[in-house]
Protein backbone atom coordinates (compact mmCIF):
# COMPACT_ATOMS: atom_id res chain seq x y z
CA MET A 1 -0.47 -36.86 -5.91
CA THR A 2 -0.39 -34.60 -2.51
CA GLY A 3 -3.61 -34.80 0.12
CA ILE A 4 -4.43 -33.82 3.55
CA ASP A 5 -2.32 -36.47 4.63
CA ALA A 6 0.71 -35.53 3.29
CA ILE A 7 0.36 -32.16 4.13
CA ARG A 8 -0.19 -33.53 7.89
CA ALA A 9 3.21 -35.64 7.85
CA ALA A 10 5.38 -33.00 5.98
CA ALA A 11 3.83 -30.65 9.16
CA ALA A 12 4.94 -33.48 11.65
CA ARG A 13 8.26 -33.60 10.02
CA ALA A 14 8.69 -30.02 9.98
CA ARG A 15 11.48 -29.27 12.68
CA GLY A 16 12.71 -25.67 12.41
CA ILE A 17 9.77 -24.18 10.48
CA ARG A 18 8.08 -21.57 12.09
CA ARG A 19 4.75 -20.36 12.44
CA THR A 20 4.39 -17.60 11.25
CA PRO A 21 1.88 -14.97 12.18
CA LEU A 22 -1.24 -13.39 10.82
CA LEU A 23 -1.01 -9.55 10.74
CA GLU A 24 -3.84 -6.84 10.57
CA ALA A 25 -3.24 -2.79 10.46
CA ALA A 26 -6.24 -0.47 10.63
CA GLY A 27 -4.62 1.42 7.95
CA LEU A 28 -4.38 -1.39 5.56
CA ASP A 29 -8.08 -2.00 6.27
CA ARG A 30 -8.69 1.46 5.69
CA ILE A 31 -6.99 1.14 2.16
CA ALA A 32 -8.58 -2.13 1.03
CA GLY A 33 -11.74 -1.00 2.14
CA ARG A 34 -12.51 -4.46 4.07
CA ARG A 35 -10.45 -6.11 7.04
CA VAL A 36 -7.06 -7.57 5.20
CA LEU A 37 -5.20 -10.22 7.43
CA VAL A 38 -1.65 -10.96 6.33
CA LYS A 39 0.16 -13.83 6.58
CA ALA A 40 3.83 -13.36 6.79
CA GLU A 41 5.59 -15.81 5.30
CA SER A 42 8.52 -12.90 5.11
CA LEU A 43 9.07 -13.88 8.35
CA GLN A 44 9.85 -17.52 7.55
CA THR A 45 13.21 -19.26 7.98
CA THR A 46 14.92 -18.39 5.29
CA GLY A 47 12.84 -14.98 4.15
CA SER A 48 10.51 -17.22 2.79
CA PHE A 49 7.57 -19.74 2.26
CA LYS A 50 10.05 -21.89 0.47
CA ALA A 51 11.61 -23.61 3.33
CA ARG A 52 8.67 -25.32 4.10
CA GLY A 53 8.45 -27.09 0.62
CA ALA A 54 12.16 -27.84 0.81
CA TRP A 55 12.38 -29.58 4.51
CA ALA A 56 9.36 -31.68 3.42
CA ALA A 57 11.37 -32.78 0.45
CA VAL A 58 14.68 -33.55 1.81
CA SER A 59 13.35 -34.96 4.99
CA ALA A 60 11.80 -37.08 3.00
CA LEU A 61 14.84 -38.29 1.09
CA PRO A 62 16.42 -42.21 0.96
CA GLU A 63 19.49 -42.33 3.48
CA ARG A 64 22.86 -41.65 2.03
CA THR A 65 21.57 -39.36 -0.82
CA ALA A 66 24.55 -38.40 -2.40
CA GLY A 67 23.73 -35.02 -3.10
CA VAL A 68 20.41 -32.38 -4.11
CA LEU A 69 19.88 -30.09 -6.84
CA ALA A 70 17.76 -27.18 -7.71
CA TYR A 71 16.95 -24.71 -9.98
CA SER A 72 15.90 -21.20 -8.48
CA SER A 73 16.43 -17.40 -8.77
CA GLY A 74 16.58 -17.20 -4.80
CA ASN A 75 13.98 -18.22 -2.36
CA HIS A 76 13.75 -22.21 -3.36
CA ALA A 77 17.55 -21.81 -3.38
CA GLN A 78 17.97 -20.68 0.02
CA GLY A 79 15.57 -23.27 1.18
CA VAL A 80 16.93 -25.84 -0.60
CA ALA A 81 20.23 -25.13 0.71
CA TRP A 82 19.46 -24.67 4.19
CA ALA A 83 17.38 -27.78 4.89
CA ALA A 84 19.91 -29.88 3.02
CA SER A 85 22.79 -28.21 5.33
CA ALA A 86 20.72 -28.91 8.23
CA HIS A 87 20.65 -33.02 6.83
CA GLY A 88 23.62 -33.20 6.10
CA VAL A 89 23.25 -33.37 2.04
CA PRO A 90 25.36 -31.72 -0.27
CA SER A 91 23.46 -29.17 -2.31
CA VAL A 92 24.21 -27.37 -5.83
CA ILE A 93 21.79 -24.40 -6.80
CA LEU A 94 21.55 -23.55 -10.46
CA MET A 95 20.65 -19.56 -10.30
CA PRO A 96 19.98 -16.91 -13.40
CA SER A 97 23.24 -14.84 -13.48
CA ASP A 98 20.43 -11.51 -13.14
CA ALA A 99 19.12 -13.01 -9.56
CA PRO A 100 19.09 -10.54 -6.71
CA ALA A 101 22.75 -10.42 -5.30
CA ALA A 102 21.31 -10.59 -2.01
CA LYS A 103 19.67 -14.14 -2.99
CA VAL A 104 22.56 -15.77 -4.54
CA ALA A 105 24.94 -14.63 -1.11
CA GLY A 106 22.18 -15.73 1.08
CA THR A 107 22.33 -19.28 -0.70
CA ARG A 108 26.04 -19.47 -0.40
CA ALA A 109 25.92 -18.30 3.30
CA LEU A 110 23.57 -21.22 3.73
CA GLY A 111 25.76 -23.91 2.20
CA GLY A 112 24.81 -24.12 -0.84
CA GLU A 113 26.92 -24.25 -4.15
CA VAL A 114 25.86 -21.61 -6.39
CA VAL A 115 26.37 -22.67 -10.23
CA LEU A 116 25.35 -19.64 -12.17
CA TYR A 117 23.45 -19.63 -15.90
CA ASP A 118 22.71 -17.02 -18.36
CA ARG A 119 18.51 -17.28 -18.48
CA ALA A 120 18.02 -16.46 -22.14
CA GLY A 121 21.08 -17.87 -23.90
CA GLU A 122 21.79 -21.20 -21.98
CA ASP A 123 19.45 -24.15 -21.42
CA ARG A 124 18.99 -24.65 -17.65
CA ASP A 125 17.28 -27.65 -17.49
CA ALA A 126 20.54 -29.46 -19.69
CA LEU A 127 22.68 -28.08 -17.63
CA GLY A 128 21.09 -29.19 -14.28
CA ALA A 129 20.71 -32.81 -16.00
CA ARG A 130 24.59 -32.92 -16.38
CA LEU A 131 25.06 -31.80 -13.07
CA ALA A 132 23.07 -34.29 -11.79
CA ALA A 133 24.34 -37.45 -13.87
CA GLU A 134 28.16 -36.19 -13.10
CA ARG A 135 27.30 -35.77 -9.46
CA GLY A 136 24.79 -37.84 -8.70
CA LEU A 137 22.34 -35.94 -7.36
CA THR A 138 18.60 -35.90 -6.94
CA LEU A 139 16.62 -32.61 -8.70
CA ILE A 140 14.17 -31.11 -5.80
CA PRO A 141 12.25 -28.91 -8.34
CA PRO A 142 10.63 -25.43 -7.06
CA PHE A 143 6.66 -26.31 -7.14
CA ASP A 144 6.16 -29.48 -9.25
CA HIS A 145 7.03 -32.30 -6.72
CA PRO A 146 4.77 -34.12 -4.09
CA GLU A 147 6.68 -33.15 -1.53
CA VAL A 148 7.20 -29.78 -1.78
CA ILE A 149 3.36 -29.52 -2.57
CA ALA A 150 2.74 -31.14 0.72
CA GLY A 151 5.24 -28.90 2.92
CA GLN A 152 4.13 -25.88 1.63
CA GLY A 153 0.25 -26.79 2.04
CA THR A 154 1.46 -26.70 5.94
CA THR A 155 1.16 -23.00 5.63
CA GLY A 156 -2.63 -23.68 5.29
CA LEU A 157 -2.99 -25.66 8.14
CA GLU A 158 -1.82 -22.99 10.19
CA LEU A 159 -3.72 -20.41 8.24
CA ALA A 160 -6.84 -22.40 8.57
CA GLU A 161 -6.15 -22.34 12.85
CA GLN A 162 -5.44 -19.03 12.39
CA ALA A 163 -8.43 -17.54 10.39
CA GLY A 164 -10.62 -19.37 12.69
CA ALA A 165 -9.53 -17.67 15.70
CA ALA A 166 -9.90 -14.03 14.16
CA GLY A 167 -12.88 -15.10 13.44
CA VAL A 168 -12.84 -15.08 9.57
CA ALA A 169 -14.90 -18.34 8.46
CA ALA A 170 -15.17 -17.33 5.08
CA ALA A 171 -12.55 -15.38 2.35
CA GLU A 172 -10.70 -15.17 -0.48
CA VAL A 173 -7.29 -16.13 0.02
CA LEU A 174 -4.57 -14.49 -2.22
CA VAL A 175 -1.77 -15.92 -2.96
CA PRO A 176 1.47 -14.74 -5.04
CA CYS A 177 1.97 -17.59 -7.88
CA GLY A 178 4.52 -18.79 -10.13
CA GLY A 179 4.51 -22.46 -10.67
CA GLY A 180 1.74 -23.14 -8.11
CA GLY A 181 2.92 -25.04 -5.68
CA LEU A 182 1.82 -22.90 -2.70
CA SER A 183 -1.16 -21.98 -3.68
CA ALA A 184 -2.20 -25.78 -4.53
CA GLY A 185 -0.88 -26.81 -1.39
CA ILE A 186 -2.58 -24.04 0.38
CA ALA A 187 -6.44 -24.96 -1.68
CA LEU A 188 -5.68 -28.87 -0.33
CA ALA A 189 -5.40 -28.34 3.20
CA LEU A 190 -8.21 -25.62 3.43
CA GLU A 191 -10.39 -28.01 1.45
CA ALA A 192 -10.05 -30.61 4.58
CA GLU A 193 -9.79 -27.62 7.04
CA ALA A 194 -11.54 -24.63 6.29
CA PRO A 195 -13.28 -25.11 2.69
CA ALA A 196 -14.85 -21.49 2.94
CA LEU A 197 -11.31 -19.82 2.70
CA ARG A 198 -11.00 -20.16 -1.23
CA VAL A 199 -7.69 -19.83 -2.61
CA ARG A 200 -6.98 -16.95 -5.40
CA THR A 201 -3.74 -16.86 -7.66
CA VAL A 202 -1.61 -13.03 -7.96
CA GLU A 203 0.74 -12.75 -10.40
CA PRO A 204 3.00 -10.11 -12.62
CA ALA A 205 1.02 -8.54 -15.13
CA GLY A 206 2.51 -10.04 -18.54
CA PHE A 207 3.43 -13.14 -16.52
CA ASP A 208 0.02 -14.54 -15.46
CA ASP A 209 0.32 -17.98 -16.99
CA MET A 210 -1.66 -19.58 -14.10
CA ALA A 211 -5.09 -17.31 -13.99
CA ARG A 212 -4.70 -17.95 -17.94
CA SER A 213 -4.49 -21.74 -17.65
CA LEU A 214 -7.14 -21.51 -15.30
CA ALA A 215 -9.25 -19.82 -17.47
CA SER A 216 -8.45 -22.11 -20.53
CA GLY A 217 -8.27 -25.48 -18.37
CA ARG A 218 -4.62 -26.35 -20.09
CA ARG A 219 -1.45 -25.10 -19.06
CA GLU A 220 -0.52 -21.80 -20.93
CA ARG A 221 3.08 -20.63 -21.14
CA ASN A 222 4.54 -17.36 -20.66
CA ALA A 223 5.83 -15.62 -23.81
CA ALA A 224 9.25 -13.89 -22.22
CA SER A 225 11.34 -15.18 -19.38
CA THR A 226 12.28 -11.61 -17.67
CA GLY A 227 10.67 -8.45 -17.55
CA SER A 228 9.22 -8.06 -14.52
CA LEU A 229 10.98 -6.90 -10.63
CA CYS A 230 9.08 -9.74 -9.53
CA ASP A 231 11.60 -12.01 -10.05
CA ALA A 232 10.46 -14.99 -7.41
CA ILE A 233 7.47 -15.88 -9.37
CA LEU A 234 8.54 -15.41 -12.71
CA THR A 235 8.20 -19.46 -14.34
CA PRO A 236 8.11 -20.48 -17.90
CA ALA A 237 4.42 -21.97 -16.96
CA PRO A 238 2.65 -23.60 -13.94
CA GLY A 239 3.24 -26.84 -12.87
CA ALA A 240 1.65 -29.99 -14.19
CA LEU A 241 1.29 -31.66 -10.97
CA THR A 242 -0.63 -27.59 -9.71
CA VAL A 243 -2.79 -26.96 -12.37
CA PRO A 244 -5.51 -29.52 -12.07
CA VAL A 245 -5.30 -28.68 -8.05
CA LEU A 246 -6.07 -24.90 -8.67
CA SER A 247 -8.66 -25.92 -11.51
CA ARG A 248 -10.85 -27.92 -8.97
CA LEU A 249 -10.44 -25.65 -5.90
CA ALA A 250 -9.29 -22.21 -7.04
CA LEU A 251 -11.19 -19.00 -8.15
CA PRO A 252 -10.17 -17.14 -10.94
CA GLY A 253 -6.57 -15.49 -10.66
CA LEU A 254 -5.41 -12.15 -10.34
CA ALA A 255 -2.51 -9.88 -12.03
CA VAL A 256 -0.94 -6.77 -10.93
CA SER A 257 1.72 -4.53 -11.80
CA ASP A 258 5.28 -3.83 -10.72
CA ALA A 259 4.26 -0.83 -9.85
CA GLU A 260 1.50 -2.14 -7.39
CA ALA A 261 3.81 -4.51 -5.80
CA LEU A 262 6.27 -1.58 -5.15
CA ARG A 263 3.66 0.82 -3.44
CA ALA A 264 2.03 -2.88 -1.43
CA MET A 265 6.00 -3.17 -0.30
CA GLU A 266 5.93 0.03 0.98
CA ALA A 267 2.53 -0.51 2.52
CA ALA A 268 3.84 -3.33 4.22
CA PHE A 269 6.74 -1.79 5.95
CA ARG A 270 4.75 1.42 6.74
CA HIS A 271 1.86 -0.57 8.33
CA LEU A 272 2.98 -3.64 9.61
CA LYS A 273 6.71 -3.24 9.75
CA ILE A 274 7.66 -5.98 7.80
CA VAL A 275 10.36 -6.45 4.72
CA LEU A 276 8.66 -7.56 1.49
CA GLU A 277 10.42 -8.38 -1.88
CA PRO A 278 8.34 -7.22 -4.94
CA GLY A 279 6.97 -10.97 -5.97
CA GLY A 280 6.06 -11.60 -2.11
CA ALA A 281 3.91 -8.20 -2.35
CA VAL A 282 1.93 -9.00 -5.52
CA ALA A 283 -1.19 -10.70 -3.06
CA LEU A 284 -1.17 -7.51 -0.83
CA ALA A 285 -1.25 -5.20 -3.72
CA ALA A 286 -4.19 -7.14 -5.41
CA ALA A 287 -5.82 -6.66 -1.89
CA LEU A 288 -5.08 -3.01 -1.66
CA PHE A 289 -5.37 -1.59 -5.13
CA ARG A 290 -8.11 -4.12 -6.72
CA PRO A 291 -10.44 -4.00 -4.12
CA GLU A 292 -13.22 -4.33 -6.74
CA ALA A 293 -11.89 -7.74 -8.02
CA VAL A 294 -12.20 -9.34 -4.18
CA ALA A 295 -15.48 -10.54 -2.67
CA GLY A 296 -16.28 -10.19 1.12
CA GLU A 297 -15.96 -8.57 4.17
CA ALA A 298 -12.09 -9.94 4.83
CA VAL A 299 -9.50 -10.88 2.66
CA ILE A 300 -6.54 -13.19 3.82
CA VAL A 301 -3.44 -12.41 2.11
CA LEU A 302 0.05 -14.20 2.13
CA ALA A 303 3.02 -11.91 2.49
CA THR A 304 5.30 -14.58 0.86
CA GLY A 305 9.00 -13.45 0.78
CA GLY A 306 11.25 -10.54 1.86
CA ASN A 307 14.62 -11.51 0.34
CA VAL A 308 15.06 -7.94 -1.58
CA ASP A 309 18.05 -6.14 -2.65
CA PRO A 310 18.81 -3.04 -0.29
CA ALA A 311 18.49 -0.98 -3.30
CA MET A 312 15.23 -2.26 -4.61
CA PHE A 313 13.48 -1.50 -1.12
CA SER A 314 14.69 2.08 -0.87
CA ARG A 315 13.35 2.17 -4.36
CA ALA A 316 10.04 0.92 -2.88
CA LEU A 317 9.62 3.10 -0.07
CA ALA A 318 10.87 6.32 -2.32
CA GLY A 319 7.67 6.02 -4.14
CA GLN A 320 6.23 7.50 -1.06
CA ALA A 321 2.82 5.77 -1.74
CA ARG A 322 -0.06 7.86 0.25
CA ASP A 323 -3.11 5.35 0.61
CA GLY A 324 -4.09 6.12 3.91
């Protein structure tokens, strides 16, 4: 299982991964009623934190690997396509046919061979298994993989140092969560480097399988696979590797509505001048619009991705939220 040594090793191999900034804005502080620090992984290579885990996994592959396979609605897809191309390895990406067009185009532009499937009517795992067998491909899962978790954990190494420099020694760290790879990786890194910073997962309302899993002590599943704007963090169930880590290290999970995610996108653009997608904005939404659920004088937020279609971004800005 991933630990701090694996995270540090992933950081040492992380050529091409950006050290993303920890941003602040007085306007966000006024909305939340406390200091808000935002780690802008939307500015990461490929537009999301997924580049970290993809690079860690691909860079750990044996020589002469025939190719890699990934399942993704877009951010993991782009991360794997980028990392594989940089290592001279072919990549095949299974993407749902309803994935945002910007993410499909971005994956192809980064060198990935995109295979579309019907999320509701086709068995993704069976299709992936057939492709892997036919072509000798190595699967890189989006979250339930030790090297992927280690790569995502490099975010936590940076955050521990940046929070200390900002004078924040203790705070809740709100992390958008699908399967839990980023949340688990950050929690492991902070356990070693800044134990008073505690992770809390944030998910879309109705798709809070991780929060329910942490509450029940067993892996819970979502009843539906679609129905939220937050496509980047819609998963059938949390990871077998990630739930035990977060059960030990994380605080209770939170959930926000799609409308709140859109309002957070608008607030991020207005106050920080960064672009977020709905799934990448849920943690900021919780910090801004669920202040009673968060403790402490400061809160740290992960803004995890900015790969959003223009129409969706325009929809967020058209909401004209006026929060401060």
